[in-house]
Amino acid sequence: MTPQTVPEATFRTRARSETGNTFVWKEVTTKDVFARKRIVLFALPGAFTPACTENHLPGYEKLYDDLIAEGIDEVICLAVNDAFVMFHWARHLDVKKVFMLADGNAEFTRKMGMLVDRSAQGMGMRSWRYAMLVEDRVITRFHAEPGFADNPSGVPVAVSDANTMLRAIRNP
């Protein structure tokens, strides 16, 4: 079996300007995010949603230093939300360590094959809940929540949580 690499995609995000006084639009590619790095990326249905806000993102923020101690270069939270929503969600939860990556156009999520319809919940197209370890653009661990489907009644945080990822990294 050939290892799967992350798909080519461009994220349109916001970054501080060179002066640091304002924010400017910045394009970031999957190469920028994953090349020559060891990354934990977890994806979730959306900012401010209950399980994502109460459990998924806070768990990774809490275990961030433990993941870094295991040789991870960065921990990334990805959602099919725009950069403004991701920024304010992180601010709301006082997230300081996890990098918030907006996939506002769902390009990366669609190419990963993880885009699902959540229209029945009024959410439109969203990411399925999953986590992965990526080493120099190659996916070496992939933990998707079971029951992949459009319009699920709920998606638990059972195998894509920070504790599960940390155990997988420590015990390959």
Protein backbone atom coordinates (compact mmCIF):
# COMPACT_ATOMS: atom_id res chain seq x y z
CA MET A 1 0.00 0.00 0.00
CA THR A 2 1.34 3.42 -0.96
CA PRO A 3 1.21 6.00 1.85
CA GLN A 4 -1.29 8.76 1.21
CA THR A 5 -0.06 12.33 1.02
CA VAL A 6 -2.15 15.35 1.93
CA PRO A 7 -3.88 16.87 -1.08
CA GLU A 8 -2.74 20.11 -2.65
CA ALA A 9 -4.94 22.96 -1.45
CA THR A 10 -4.75 26.66 -0.72
CA PHE A 11 -6.11 28.16 2.48
CA ARG A 12 -7.08 31.82 2.54
CA THR A 13 -6.45 33.09 6.03
CA ARG A 14 -5.63 36.21 7.98
CA ALA A 15 -2.24 37.12 9.40
CA ARG A 16 -0.74 40.12 11.12
CA SER A 17 0.80 42.64 8.75
CA GLU A 18 4.53 43.35 8.83
CA THR A 19 3.91 46.29 11.15
CA GLY A 20 1.78 44.07 13.41
CA ASN A 21 -0.97 46.68 13.62
CA THR A 22 -3.42 45.21 11.13
CA PHE A 23 -4.45 41.91 9.62
CA VAL A 24 -4.02 41.08 5.95
CA TRP A 25 -5.20 38.22 3.75
CA LYS A 26 -2.60 35.52 3.28
CA GLU A 27 -2.63 32.41 1.11
CA VAL A 28 -1.15 29.32 2.73
CA THR A 29 -0.66 26.08 0.81
CA THR A 30 -0.53 22.52 2.06
CA LYS A 31 3.18 22.62 1.26
CA ASP A 32 3.56 25.60 3.63
CA VAL A 33 1.66 23.75 6.34
CA PHE A 34 3.04 20.21 6.05
CA ALA A 35 6.39 20.13 4.18
CA ARG A 36 9.37 19.02 6.30
CA LYS A 37 7.24 19.05 9.45
CA ARG A 38 5.55 16.63 11.79
CA ILE A 39 1.97 17.90 12.19
CA VAL A 40 -1.07 16.79 14.14
CA LEU A 41 -4.18 18.07 12.41
CA PHE A 42 -7.65 17.51 13.77
CA ALA A 43 -10.74 18.47 11.83
CA LEU A 44 -14.16 19.11 13.22
CA PRO A 45 -17.64 20.11 12.03
CA GLY A 46 -17.58 23.72 13.11
CA ALA A 47 -16.63 26.53 15.40
CA PHE A 48 -18.89 27.15 18.39
CA THR A 49 -20.66 23.79 18.00
CA PRO A 50 -21.12 21.92 21.31
CA ALA A 51 -18.73 18.93 21.13
CA CYS A 52 -16.11 20.94 19.24
CA THR A 53 -16.19 23.76 21.79
CA GLU A 54 -16.57 21.75 24.99
CA ASN A 55 -14.27 18.81 24.22
CA HIS A 56 -12.42 18.53 20.91
CA LEU A 57 -10.51 21.83 20.64
CA PRO A 58 -9.95 22.28 24.41
CA GLY A 59 -8.50 18.76 24.62
CA TYR A 60 -5.84 19.57 22.04
CA GLU A 61 -5.07 22.91 23.65
CA LYS A 62 -4.64 21.15 27.02
CA LEU A 63 -2.33 18.42 25.60
CA TYR A 64 -0.47 20.70 23.19
CA ASP A 65 2.79 20.70 25.19
CA ASP A 66 2.68 16.90 25.54
CA LEU A 67 2.29 16.54 21.77
CA ILE A 68 5.16 18.97 21.12
CA ALA A 69 7.31 16.98 23.57
CA GLU A 70 6.75 13.93 21.33
CA GLY A 71 8.36 15.71 18.36
CA ILE A 72 5.29 17.35 16.86
CA ASP A 73 6.06 20.68 15.19
CA GLU A 74 2.54 22.06 15.24
CA VAL A 75 -1.00 21.15 16.27
CA ILE A 76 -3.66 22.42 13.86
CA CYS A 77 -7.42 22.70 14.20
CA LEU A 78 -9.20 22.71 10.83
CA ALA A 79 -12.86 23.52 10.20
CA VAL A 80 -14.97 24.52 7.22
CA ASN A 81 -15.43 28.00 8.64
CA ASP A 82 -14.00 31.34 7.55
CA ALA A 83 -10.91 32.90 9.12
CA PHE A 84 -12.96 35.48 11.05
CA VAL A 85 -15.04 32.81 12.77
CA MET A 86 -11.98 30.70 13.57
CA PHE A 87 -10.21 33.74 15.06
CA HIS A 88 -13.14 34.66 17.30
CA TRP A 89 -13.75 31.06 18.35
CA ALA A 90 -10.11 30.75 19.46
CA ARG A 91 -10.39 34.04 21.29
CA HIS A 92 -13.64 32.90 22.96
CA LEU A 93 -11.92 29.73 24.26
CA ASP A 94 -8.63 31.50 25.03
CA VAL A 95 -6.77 29.17 22.64
CA LYS A 96 -3.15 30.30 22.51
CA LYS A 97 -1.23 27.25 21.26
CA VAL A 98 -3.26 25.34 18.66
CA PHE A 99 -3.07 26.88 15.19
CA MET A 100 -6.54 27.62 13.82
CA LEU A 101 -6.74 26.83 10.10
CA ALA A 102 -9.83 27.97 8.24
CA ASP A 103 -10.88 25.83 5.27
CA GLY A 104 -13.57 28.32 4.32
CA ASN A 105 -13.98 27.04 0.77
CA ALA A 106 -13.81 23.39 1.93
CA GLU A 107 -11.13 22.72 -0.69
CA PHE A 108 -8.86 20.68 1.56
CA THR A 109 -11.76 18.87 3.25
CA ARG A 110 -13.31 17.92 -0.11
CA LYS A 111 -9.99 16.66 -1.47
CA MET A 112 -9.46 14.63 1.71
CA GLY A 113 -12.83 12.96 1.01
CA MET A 114 -14.12 14.16 4.37
CA LEU A 115 -16.75 16.70 3.27
CA VAL A 116 -20.27 15.89 4.48
CA ASP A 117 -23.64 17.56 4.11
CA ARG A 118 -24.97 18.90 7.42
CA SER A 119 -27.90 20.78 5.85
CA ALA A 120 -30.39 18.93 8.06
CA GLN A 121 -28.76 20.75 11.01
CA GLY A 122 -28.62 24.08 9.12
CA MET A 123 -24.83 23.90 8.81
CA GLY A 124 -24.35 23.32 5.08
CA MET A 125 -21.27 21.43 3.97
CA ARG A 126 -18.83 20.63 6.79
CA SER A 127 -15.88 18.44 7.68
CA TRP A 128 -16.30 15.03 9.20
CA ARG A 129 -14.56 14.73 12.56
CA TYR A 130 -11.06 13.19 12.27
CA ALA A 131 -7.45 13.57 13.38
CA MET A 132 -4.22 12.68 11.61
CA LEU A 133 -0.48 12.67 12.03
CA VAL A 134 1.28 14.01 8.95
CA GLU A 135 5.03 13.66 8.48
CA ASP A 136 6.47 15.72 5.61
CA ARG A 137 3.09 15.68 3.81
CA VAL A 138 2.59 11.90 4.28
CA ILE A 139 -0.34 10.80 6.44
CA THR A 140 1.08 8.25 8.88
CA ARG A 141 -1.88 8.01 11.29
CA PHE A 142 -5.53 8.64 10.48
CA HIS A 143 -8.35 8.46 13.02
CA ALA A 144 -11.82 9.20 11.58
CA GLU A 145 -14.88 8.96 13.75
CA PRO A 146 -17.11 6.02 12.78
CA GLY A 147 -20.37 6.38 10.87
CA PHE A 148 -19.18 8.69 8.07
CA ALA A 149 -22.40 9.96 6.46
CA ASP A 150 -24.31 13.03 5.44
CA ASN A 151 -26.63 14.55 8.05
CA PRO A 152 -25.64 12.40 11.02
CA SER A 153 -27.61 12.80 14.22
CA GLY A 154 -24.34 13.45 16.02
CA VAL A 155 -20.64 12.79 15.69
CA PRO A 156 -18.93 11.80 18.94
CA VAL A 157 -15.36 12.58 19.86
CA ALA A 158 -14.23 8.99 20.38
CA VAL A 159 -11.11 8.35 18.25
CA SER A 160 -10.10 11.81 17.01
CA ASP A 161 -9.53 13.30 20.46
CA ALA A 162 -6.19 14.54 21.78
CA ASN A 163 -5.68 11.67 24.24
CA THR A 164 -6.11 9.06 21.50
CA MET A 165 -3.69 10.87 19.21
CA LEU A 166 -1.11 11.26 21.96
CA ARG A 167 -1.31 7.54 22.80
CA ALA A 168 -0.93 6.65 19.10
CA ILE A 169 2.19 8.81 18.81
CA ARG A 170 3.71 7.38 21.99
CA ASN A 171 2.91 3.77 21.04
CA PRO A 172 3.39 3.37 17.28
